[in-house]
Amino acid sequence: MRTSNGPTAYFRGENSSNHPVDFKPLNSSEVEFMANIKFMGIEELIDSLKMVHDFALYHTDLPLDTTEKLALFNLKILWEGLEGLVKD
């Protein structure tokens, strides 16, 4: 897809904020990690992350401070990223 300024940001190697994107190949540990995730099942991992998030947020009497809220937000970011892998 092209814009009036040329190719889209993805093809120019830039993200939407016009900062250069560094496309490095995965190292062997990263490849192994992704292979393990795919072997275990991405959908199952997504469901597990959502379950831990919901249990911690809705089914506990423990107080949630900024650190705990950030950890729960990180879980959400992780499962949304994994959902993006499933769509592709």
PDB file of N, CA and C in Angstrom:
ATOM      1  N   MET A   1       0.840  -1.173   0.000  1.00  0.00           N
ATOM      2  CA  MET A   1       0.000   0.000   0.000  1.00  0.00           C
ATOM      3  C   MET A   1       0.886   1.237   0.000  1.00  0.00           C
ATOM      4  N   ARG A   2       0.512   2.200  -0.780  1.00  0.00           N
ATOM      5  CA  ARG A   2       1.301   3.427  -0.872  1.00  0.00           C
ATOM      6  C   ARG A   2       0.489   4.597  -0.353  1.00  0.00           C
ATOM      7  N   THR A   3       1.198   5.574   0.189  1.00  0.00           N
ATOM      8  CA  THR A   3       0.555   6.808   0.622  1.00  0.00           C
ATOM      9  C   THR A   3       1.014   7.916  -0.299  1.00  0.00           C
ATOM     10  N   SER A   4       0.521   9.117  -0.073  1.00  0.00           N
ATOM     11  CA  SER A   4       0.941  10.236  -0.914  1.00  0.00           C
ATOM     12  C   SER A   4       2.430  10.545  -0.738  1.00  0.00           C
ATOM     13  N   ASN A   5       3.000  10.066   0.363  1.00  0.00           N
ATOM     14  CA  ASN A   5       4.424  10.284   0.632  1.00  0.00           C
ATOM     15  C   ASN A   5       5.286   9.098   0.201  1.00  0.00           C
ATOM     16  N   GLY A   6       4.715   8.123  -0.456  1.00  0.00           N
ATOM     17  CA  GLY A   6       5.476   6.938  -0.863  1.00  0.00           C
ATOM     18  C   GLY A   6       4.954   5.702  -0.158  1.00  0.00           C
ATOM     19  N   PRO A   7       5.808   4.698   0.013  1.00  0.00           N
ATOM     20  CA  PRO A   7       5.377   3.455   0.656  1.00  0.00           C
ATOM     21  C   PRO A   7       4.926   3.703   2.093  1.00  0.00           C
ATOM     22  N   THR A   8       4.181   2.771   2.629  1.00  0.00           N
ATOM     23  CA  THR A   8       3.739   2.909   4.009  1.00  0.00           C
ATOM     24  C   THR A   8       4.934   2.872   4.935  1.00  0.00           C
ATOM     25  N   ALA A   9       4.706   3.265   6.192  1.00  0.00           N
ATOM     26  CA  ALA A   9       5.792   3.340   7.176  1.00  0.00           C
ATOM     27  C   ALA A   9       6.480   1.995   7.342  1.00  0.00           C
ATOM     28  N   TYR A  10       5.726   0.911   7.237  1.00  0.00           N
ATOM     29  CA  TYR A  10       6.319  -0.413   7.414  1.00  0.00           C
ATOM     30  C   TYR A  10       7.410  -0.663   6.389  1.00  0.00           C
ATOM     31  N   PHE A  11       7.167  -0.319   5.161  1.00  0.00           N
ATOM     32  CA  PHE A  11       8.134  -0.585   4.105  1.00  0.00           C
ATOM     33  C   PHE A  11       9.322   0.381   4.141  1.00  0.00           C
ATOM     34  N   ARG A  12       9.155   1.519   4.760  1.00  0.00           N
ATOM     35  CA  ARG A  12      10.267   2.450   4.902  1.00  0.00           C
ATOM     36  C   ARG A  12      11.149   2.082   6.082  1.00  0.00           C
ATOM     37  N   GLY A  13      10.760   1.062   6.851  1.00  0.00           N
ATOM     38  CA  GLY A  13      11.533   0.678   8.013  1.00  0.00           C
ATOM     39  C   GLY A  13      11.317   1.629   9.180  1.00  0.00           C
ATOM     40  N   GLU A  14      10.137   2.251   9.227  1.00  0.00           N
ATOM     41  CA  GLU A  14       9.812   3.173  10.301  1.00  0.00           C
ATOM     42  C   GLU A  14       8.476   2.776  10.893  1.00  0.00           C
ATOM     43  N   ASN A  15       8.278   3.137  12.145  1.00  0.00           N
ATOM     44  CA  ASN A  15       6.989   2.901  12.755  1.00  0.00           C
ATOM     45  C   ASN A  15       6.124   4.149  12.615  1.00  0.00           C
ATOM     46  N   SER A  16       4.949   4.137  13.218  1.00  0.00           N
ATOM     47  CA  SER A  16       4.023   5.254  13.033  1.00  0.00           C
ATOM     48  C   SER A  16       4.531   6.563  13.623  1.00  0.00           C
ATOM     49  N   SER A  17       5.493   6.501  14.540  1.00  0.00           N
ATOM     50  CA  SER A  17       6.042   7.733  15.104  1.00  0.00           C
ATOM     51  C   SER A  17       7.284   8.199  14.343  1.00  0.00           C
ATOM     52  N   ASN A  18       7.532   7.608  13.168  1.00  0.00           N
ATOM     53  CA  ASN A  18       8.638   7.956  12.284  1.00  0.00           C
ATOM     54  C   ASN A  18      10.024   7.734  12.887  1.00  0.00           C
ATOM     55  N   HIS A  19      10.113   6.811  13.848  1.00  0.00           N
ATOM     56  CA  HIS A  19      11.407   6.410  14.376  1.00  0.00           C
ATOM     57  C   HIS A  19      11.862   5.161  13.622  1.00  0.00           C
ATOM     58  N   PRO A  20      13.134   5.076  13.282  1.00  0.00           N
ATOM     59  CA  PRO A  20      13.616   3.888  12.568  1.00  0.00           C
ATOM     60  C   PRO A  20      13.360   2.606  13.372  1.00  0.00           C
ATOM     61  N   VAL A  21      12.998   1.559  12.676  1.00  0.00           N
ATOM     62  CA  VAL A  21      12.765   0.267  13.295  1.00  0.00           C
ATOM     63  C   VAL A  21      13.965  -0.611  12.998  1.00  0.00           C
ATOM     64  N   ASP A  22      14.478  -1.273  14.017  1.00  0.00           N
ATOM     65  CA  ASP A  22      15.646  -2.129  13.865  1.00  0.00           C
ATOM     66  C   ASP A  22      15.178  -3.571  13.678  1.00  0.00           C
ATOM     67  N   PHE A  23      15.268  -4.106  12.481  1.00  0.00           N
ATOM     68  CA  PHE A  23      14.852  -5.465  12.178  1.00  0.00           C
ATOM     69  C   PHE A  23      16.051  -6.394  12.294  1.00  0.00           C
ATOM     70  N   LYS A  24      16.256  -6.946  13.493  1.00  0.00           N
ATOM     71  CA  LYS A  24      17.337  -7.894  13.714  1.00  0.00           C
ATOM     72  C   LYS A  24      16.769  -9.305  13.615  1.00  0.00           C
ATOM     73  N   PRO A  25      17.549 -10.224  13.054  1.00  0.00           N
ATOM     74  CA  PRO A  25      17.073 -11.609  13.045  1.00  0.00           C
ATOM     75  C   PRO A  25      17.033 -12.161  14.469  1.00  0.00           C
ATOM     76  N   LEU A  26      16.154 -13.133  14.690  1.00  0.00           N
ATOM     77  CA  LEU A  26      16.055 -13.749  16.004  1.00  0.00           C
ATOM     78  C   LEU A  26      17.301 -14.569  16.290  1.00  0.00           C
ATOM     79  N   ASN A  27      17.753 -14.539  17.544  1.00  0.00           N
ATOM     80  CA  ASN A  27      18.869 -15.398  17.915  1.00  0.00           C
ATOM     81  C   ASN A  27      18.326 -16.785  18.250  1.00  0.00           C
ATOM     82  N   SER A  28      19.190 -17.735  18.510  1.00  0.00           N
ATOM     83  CA  SER A  28      18.764 -19.123  18.701  1.00  0.00           C
ATOM     84  C   SER A  28      17.861 -19.285  19.924  1.00  0.00           C
ATOM     85  N   SER A  29      18.093 -18.535  20.977  1.00  0.00           N
ATOM     86  CA  SER A  29      17.240 -18.617  22.169  1.00  0.00           C
ATOM     87  C   SER A  29      15.836 -18.109  21.872  1.00  0.00           C
ATOM     88  N   GLU A  30      15.745 -17.041  21.096  1.00  0.00           N
ATOM     89  CA  GLU A  30      14.444 -16.490  20.732  1.00  0.00           C
ATOM     90  C   GLU A  30      13.682 -17.440  19.813  1.00  0.00           C
ATOM     91  N   VAL A  31      14.373 -18.066  18.890  1.00  0.00           N
ATOM     92  CA  VAL A  31      13.746 -19.042  17.997  1.00  0.00           C
ATOM     93  C   VAL A  31      13.235 -20.226  18.806  1.00  0.00           C
ATOM     94  N   GLU A  32      14.025 -20.703  19.741  1.00  0.00           N
ATOM     95  CA  GLU A  32      13.613 -21.831  20.585  1.00  0.00           C
ATOM     96  C   GLU A  32      12.408 -21.452  21.442  1.00  0.00           C
ATOM     97  N   PHE A  33      12.415 -20.239  21.985  1.00  0.00           N
ATOM     98  CA  PHE A  33      11.293 -19.766  22.795  1.00  0.00           C
ATOM     99  C   PHE A  33      10.005 -19.736  21.977  1.00  0.00           C
ATOM    100  N   MET A  34      10.072 -19.188  20.770  1.00  0.00           N
ATOM    101  CA  MET A  34       8.886 -19.131  19.908  1.00  0.00           C
ATOM    102  C   MET A  34       8.426 -20.532  19.515  1.00  0.00           C
ATOM    103  N   ALA A  35       9.361 -21.430  19.256  1.00  0.00           N
ATOM    104  CA  ALA A  35       9.000 -22.809  18.915  1.00  0.00           C
ATOM    105  C   ALA A  35       8.280 -23.472  20.083  1.00  0.00           C
ATOM    106  N   ASN A  36       8.740 -23.226  21.304  1.00  0.00           N
ATOM    107  CA  ASN A  36       8.086 -23.798  22.483  1.00  0.00           C
ATOM    108  C   ASN A  36       6.677 -23.253  22.657  1.00  0.00           C
ATOM    109  N   ILE A  37       6.508 -21.961  22.432  1.00  0.00           N
ATOM    110  CA  ILE A  37       5.176 -21.366  22.537  1.00  0.00           C
ATOM    111  C   ILE A  37       4.238 -21.983  21.506  1.00  0.00           C
ATOM    112  N   LYS A  38       4.706 -22.120  20.279  1.00  0.00           N
ATOM    113  CA  LYS A  38       3.861 -22.707  19.232  1.00  0.00           C
ATOM    114  C   LYS A  38       3.564 -24.169  19.521  1.00  0.00           C
ATOM    115  N   PHE A  39       4.534 -24.897  20.071  1.00  0.00           N
ATOM    116  CA  PHE A  39       4.335 -26.315  20.390  1.00  0.00           C
ATOM    117  C   PHE A  39       3.282 -26.467  21.488  1.00  0.00           C
ATOM    118  N   MET A  40       3.351 -25.612  22.504  1.00  0.00           N
ATOM    119  CA  MET A  40       2.405 -25.699  23.617  1.00  0.00           C
ATOM    120  C   MET A  40       1.016 -25.242  23.203  1.00  0.00           C
ATOM    121  N   GLY A  41       0.942 -24.387  22.208  1.00  0.00           N
ATOM    122  CA  GLY A  41      -0.341 -23.872  21.744  1.00  0.00           C
ATOM    123  C   GLY A  41      -0.523 -22.433  22.159  1.00  0.00           C
ATOM    124  N   ILE A  42      -0.521 -21.544  21.187  1.00  0.00           N
ATOM    125  CA  ILE A  42      -0.637 -20.123  21.486  1.00  0.00           C
ATOM    126  C   ILE A  42      -1.987 -19.819  22.119  1.00  0.00           C
ATOM    127  N   GLU A  43      -3.057 -20.421  21.633  1.00  0.00           N
ATOM    128  CA  GLU A  43      -4.377 -20.153  22.186  1.00  0.00           C
ATOM    129  C   GLU A  43      -4.459 -20.562  23.650  1.00  0.00           C
ATOM    130  N   GLU A  44      -3.840 -21.691  23.996  1.00  0.00           N
ATOM    131  CA  GLU A  44      -3.842 -22.150  25.381  1.00  0.00           C
ATOM    132  C   GLU A  44      -3.069 -21.191  26.270  1.00  0.00           C
ATOM    133  N   LEU A  45      -1.953 -20.673  25.773  1.00  0.00           N
ATOM    134  CA  LEU A  45      -1.170 -19.707  26.540  1.00  0.00           C
ATOM    135  C   LEU A  45      -1.955 -18.415  26.744  1.00  0.00           C
ATOM    136  N   ILE A  46      -2.653 -17.970  25.716  1.00  0.00           N
ATOM    137  CA  ILE A  46      -3.486 -16.767  25.830  1.00  0.00           C
ATOM    138  C   ILE A  46      -4.546 -16.975  26.907  1.00  0.00           C
ATOM    139  N   ASP A  47      -5.217 -18.123  26.870  1.00  0.00           N
ATOM    140  CA  ASP A  47      -6.249 -18.417  27.871  1.00  0.00           C
ATOM    141  C   ASP A  47      -5.659 -18.446  29.277  1.00  0.00           C
ATOM    142  N   SER A  48      -4.461 -19.005  29.428  1.00  0.00           N
ATOM    143  CA  SER A  48      -3.812 -19.060  30.744  1.00  0.00           C
ATOM    144  C   SER A  48      -3.476 -17.673  31.253  1.00  0.00           C
ATOM    145  N   LEU A  49      -2.945 -16.823  30.385  1.00  0.00           N
ATOM    146  CA  LEU A  49      -2.611 -15.460  30.789  1.00  0.00           C
ATOM    147  C   LEU A  49      -3.856 -14.690  31.203  1.00  0.00           C
ATOM    148  N   LYS A  50      -4.943 -14.853  30.449  1.00  0.00           N
ATOM    149  CA  LYS A  50      -6.192 -14.184  30.794  1.00  0.00           C
ATOM    150  C   LYS A  50      -6.729 -14.692  32.130  1.00  0.00           C
ATOM    151  N   MET A  51      -6.613 -16.001  32.363  1.00  0.00           N
ATOM    152  CA  MET A  51      -7.109 -16.582  33.603  1.00  0.00           C
ATOM    153  C   MET A  51      -6.337 -16.043  34.815  1.00  0.00           C
ATOM    154  N   VAL A  52      -5.024 -15.992  34.720  1.00  0.00           N
ATOM    155  CA  VAL A  52      -4.207 -15.460  35.813  1.00  0.00           C
ATOM    156  C   VAL A  52      -4.543 -13.991  36.045  1.00  0.00           C
ATOM    157  N   HIS A  53      -4.669 -13.235  34.970  1.00  0.00           N
ATOM    158  CA  HIS A  53      -5.025 -11.810  35.066  1.00  0.00           C
ATOM    159  C   HIS A  53      -6.360 -11.639  35.784  1.00  0.00           C
ATOM    160  N   ASP A  54      -7.389 -12.361  35.318  1.00  0.00           N
ATOM    161  CA  ASP A  54      -8.721 -12.208  35.891  1.00  0.00           C
ATOM    162  C   ASP A  54      -8.777 -12.690  37.335  1.00  0.00           C
ATOM    163  N   PHE A  55      -8.080 -13.782  37.632  1.00  0.00           N
ATOM    164  CA  PHE A  55      -8.065 -14.287  39.004  1.00  0.00           C
ATOM    165  C   PHE A  55      -7.436 -13.259  39.936  1.00  0.00           C
ATOM    166  N   ALA A  56      -6.303 -12.716  39.541  1.00  0.00           N
ATOM    167  CA  ALA A  56      -5.607 -11.737  40.377  1.00  0.00           C
ATOM    168  C   ALA A  56      -6.423 -10.459  40.532  1.00  0.00           C
ATOM    169  N   LEU A  57      -7.127 -10.070  39.488  1.00  0.00           N
ATOM    170  CA  LEU A  57      -7.852  -8.801  39.514  1.00  0.00           C
ATOM    171  C   LEU A  57      -9.214  -8.920  40.187  1.00  0.00           C
ATOM    172  N   TYR A  58      -9.943  -9.998  39.906  1.00  0.00           N
ATOM    173  CA  TYR A  58     -11.335 -10.079  40.338  1.00  0.00           C
ATOM    174  C   TYR A  58     -11.603 -11.061  41.466  1.00  0.00           C
ATOM    175  N   HIS A  59     -10.692 -11.972  41.754  1.00  0.00           N
ATOM    176  CA  HIS A  59     -10.991 -13.041  42.714  1.00  0.00           C
ATOM    177  C   HIS A  59     -10.009 -13.085  43.872  1.00  0.00           C
ATOM    178  N   THR A  60      -9.457 -11.964  44.238  1.00  0.00           N
ATOM    179  CA  THR A  60      -8.553 -11.920  45.380  1.00  0.00           C
ATOM    180  C   THR A  60      -8.855 -10.682  46.210  1.00  0.00           C
ATOM    181  N   ASP A  61      -8.570 -10.796  47.479  1.00  0.00           N
ATOM    182  CA  ASP A  61      -8.769  -9.664  48.383  1.00  0.00           C
ATOM    183  C   ASP A  61      -7.478  -8.890  48.604  1.00  0.00           C
ATOM    184  N   LEU A  62      -6.414  -9.289  47.935  1.00  0.00           N
ATOM    185  CA  LEU A  62      -5.136  -8.606  48.100  1.00  0.00           C
ATOM    186  C   LEU A  62      -5.211  -7.218  47.471  1.00  0.00           C
ATOM    187  N   PRO A  63      -4.606  -6.229  48.130  1.00  0.00           N
ATOM    188  CA  PRO A  63      -4.606  -4.883  47.540  1.00  0.00           C
ATOM    189  C   PRO A  63      -3.686  -4.816  46.323  1.00  0.00           C
ATOM    190  N   LEU A  64      -4.101  -4.068  45.327  1.00  0.00           N
ATOM    191  CA  LEU A  64      -3.296  -3.917  44.122  1.00  0.00           C
ATOM    192  C   LEU A  64      -2.732  -2.504  44.079  1.00  0.00           C
ATOM    193  N   ASP A  65      -1.431  -2.410  44.236  1.00  0.00           N
ATOM    194  CA  ASP A  65      -0.751  -1.127  44.132  1.00  0.00           C
ATOM    195  C   ASP A  65      -0.279  -0.942  42.695  1.00  0.00           C
ATOM    196  N   THR A  66       0.475   0.097  42.461  1.00  0.00           N
ATOM    197  CA  THR A  66       0.946   0.417  41.112  1.00  0.00           C
ATOM    198  C   THR A  66       1.754  -0.723  40.503  1.00  0.00           C
ATOM    199  N   THR A  67       2.618  -1.354  41.293  1.00  0.00           N
ATOM    200  CA  THR A  67       3.447  -2.444  40.782  1.00  0.00           C
ATOM    201  C   THR A  67       2.599  -3.612  40.307  1.00  0.00           C
ATOM    202  N   GLU A  68       1.610  -3.988  41.099  1.00  0.00           N
ATOM    203  CA  GLU A  68       0.739  -5.101  40.737  1.00  0.00           C
ATOM    204  C   GLU A  68      -0.129  -4.754  39.523  1.00  0.00           C
ATOM    205  N   LYS A  69      -0.615  -3.527  39.470  1.00  0.00           N
ATOM    206  CA  LYS A  69      -1.420  -3.095  38.329  1.00  0.00           C
ATOM    207  C   LYS A  69      -0.589  -3.105  37.049  1.00  0.00           C
ATOM    208  N   LEU A  70       0.664  -2.691  37.144  1.00  0.00           N
ATOM    209  CA  LEU A  70       1.547  -2.714  35.987  1.00  0.00           C
ATOM    210  C   LEU A  70       1.805  -4.150  35.535  1.00  0.00           C
ATOM    211  N   ALA A  71       1.976  -5.061  36.486  1.00  0.00           N
ATOM    212  CA  ALA A  71       2.190  -6.470  36.138  1.00  0.00           C
ATOM    213  C   ALA A  71       0.965  -7.037  35.413  1.00  0.00           C
ATOM    214  N   LEU A  72      -0.222  -6.704  35.872  1.00  0.00           N
ATOM    215  CA  LEU A  72      -1.441  -7.169  35.203  1.00  0.00           C
ATOM    216  C   LEU A  72      -1.565  -6.554  33.817  1.00  0.00           C
ATOM    217  N   PHE A  73      -1.199  -5.300  33.689  1.00  0.00           N
ATOM    218  CA  PHE A  73      -1.220  -4.654  32.375  1.00  0.00           C
ATOM    219  C   PHE A  73      -0.224  -5.337  31.433  1.00  0.00           C
ATOM    220  N   ASN A  74       0.947  -5.711  31.949  1.00  0.00           N
ATOM    221  CA  ASN A  74       1.941  -6.418  31.135  1.00  0.00           C
ATOM    222  C   ASN A  74       1.408  -7.757  30.646  1.00  0.00           C
ATOM    223  N   LEU A  75       0.659  -8.459  31.499  1.00  0.00           N
ATOM    224  CA  LEU A  75       0.026  -9.708  31.059  1.00  0.00           C
ATOM    225  C   LEU A  75      -0.921  -9.452  29.898  1.00  0.00           C
ATOM    226  N   LYS A  76      -1.700  -8.384  30.006  1.00  0.00           N
ATOM    227  CA  LYS A  76      -2.652  -8.039  28.942  1.00  0.00           C
ATOM    228  C   LYS A  76      -1.914  -7.723  27.634  1.00  0.00           C
ATOM    229  N   ILE A  77      -0.835  -6.961  27.724  1.00  0.00           N
ATOM    230  CA  ILE A  77      -0.041  -6.643  26.536  1.00  0.00           C
ATOM    231  C   ILE A  77       0.505  -7.928  25.911  1.00  0.00           C
ATOM    232  N   LEU A  78       0.954  -8.854  26.750  1.00  0.00           N
ATOM    233  CA  LEU A  78       1.504 -10.111  26.253  1.00  0.00           C
ATOM    234  C   LEU A  78       0.439 -10.931  25.536  1.00  0.00           C
ATOM    235  N   TRP A  79      -0.746 -11.092  26.134  1.00  0.00           N
ATOM    236  CA  TRP A  79      -1.754 -11.913  25.458  1.00  0.00           C
ATOM    237  C   TRP A  79      -2.282 -11.237  24.205  1.00  0.00           C
ATOM    238  N   GLU A  80      -2.352  -9.914  24.190  1.00  0.00           N
ATOM    239  CA  GLU A  80      -2.782  -9.232  22.965  1.00  0.00           C
ATOM    240  C   GLU A  80      -1.754  -9.392  21.860  1.00  0.00           C
ATOM    241  N   GLY A  81      -0.480  -9.383  22.205  1.00  0.00           N
ATOM    242  CA  GLY A  81       0.560  -9.637  21.215  1.00  0.00           C
ATOM    243  C   GLY A  81       0.479 -11.043  20.673  1.00  0.00           C
ATOM    244  N   LEU A  82       0.205 -12.006  21.532  1.00  0.00           N
ATOM    245  CA  LEU A  82       0.058 -13.383  21.090  1.00  0.00           C
ATOM    246  C   LEU A  82      -1.175 -13.550  20.215  1.00  0.00           C
ATOM    247  N   GLU A  83      -2.254 -12.829  20.543  1.00  0.00           N
ATOM    248  CA  GLU A  83      -3.442 -12.875  19.684  1.00  0.00           C
ATOM    249  C   GLU A  83      -3.110 -12.361  18.283  1.00  0.00           C
ATOM    250  N   GLY A  84      -2.233 -11.379  18.198  1.00  0.00           N
ATOM    251  CA  GLY A  84      -1.801 -10.880  16.900  1.00  0.00           C
ATOM    252  C   GLY A  84      -1.055 -11.947  16.098  1.00  0.00           C
ATOM    253  N   LEU A  85      -0.293 -12.796  16.787  1.00  0.00           N
ATOM    254  CA  LEU A  85       0.397 -13.897  16.100  1.00  0.00           C
ATOM    255  C   LEU A  85      -0.589 -14.909  15.547  1.00  0.00           C
ATOM    256  N   VAL A  86      -1.653 -15.157  16.285  1.00  0.00           N
ATOM    257  CA  VAL A  86      -2.655 -16.130  15.845  1.00  0.00           C
ATOM    258  C   VAL A  86      -3.372 -15.632  14.611  1.00  0.00           C
ATOM    259  N   LYS A  87      -3.621 -14.318  14.534  1.00  0.00           N
ATOM    260  CA  LYS A  87      -4.329 -13.739  13.391  1.00  0.00           C
ATOM    261  C   LYS A  87      -3.506 -13.789  12.117  1.00  0.00           C
ATOM    262  N   ASP A  88      -2.177 -13.720  12.239  1.00  0.00           N
ATOM    263  CA  ASP A  88      -1.307 -13.688  11.053  1.00  0.00           C
ATOM    264  C   ASP A  88      -1.120 -15.042  10.431  1.00  0.00           C
TER     265      ASP A  88
END
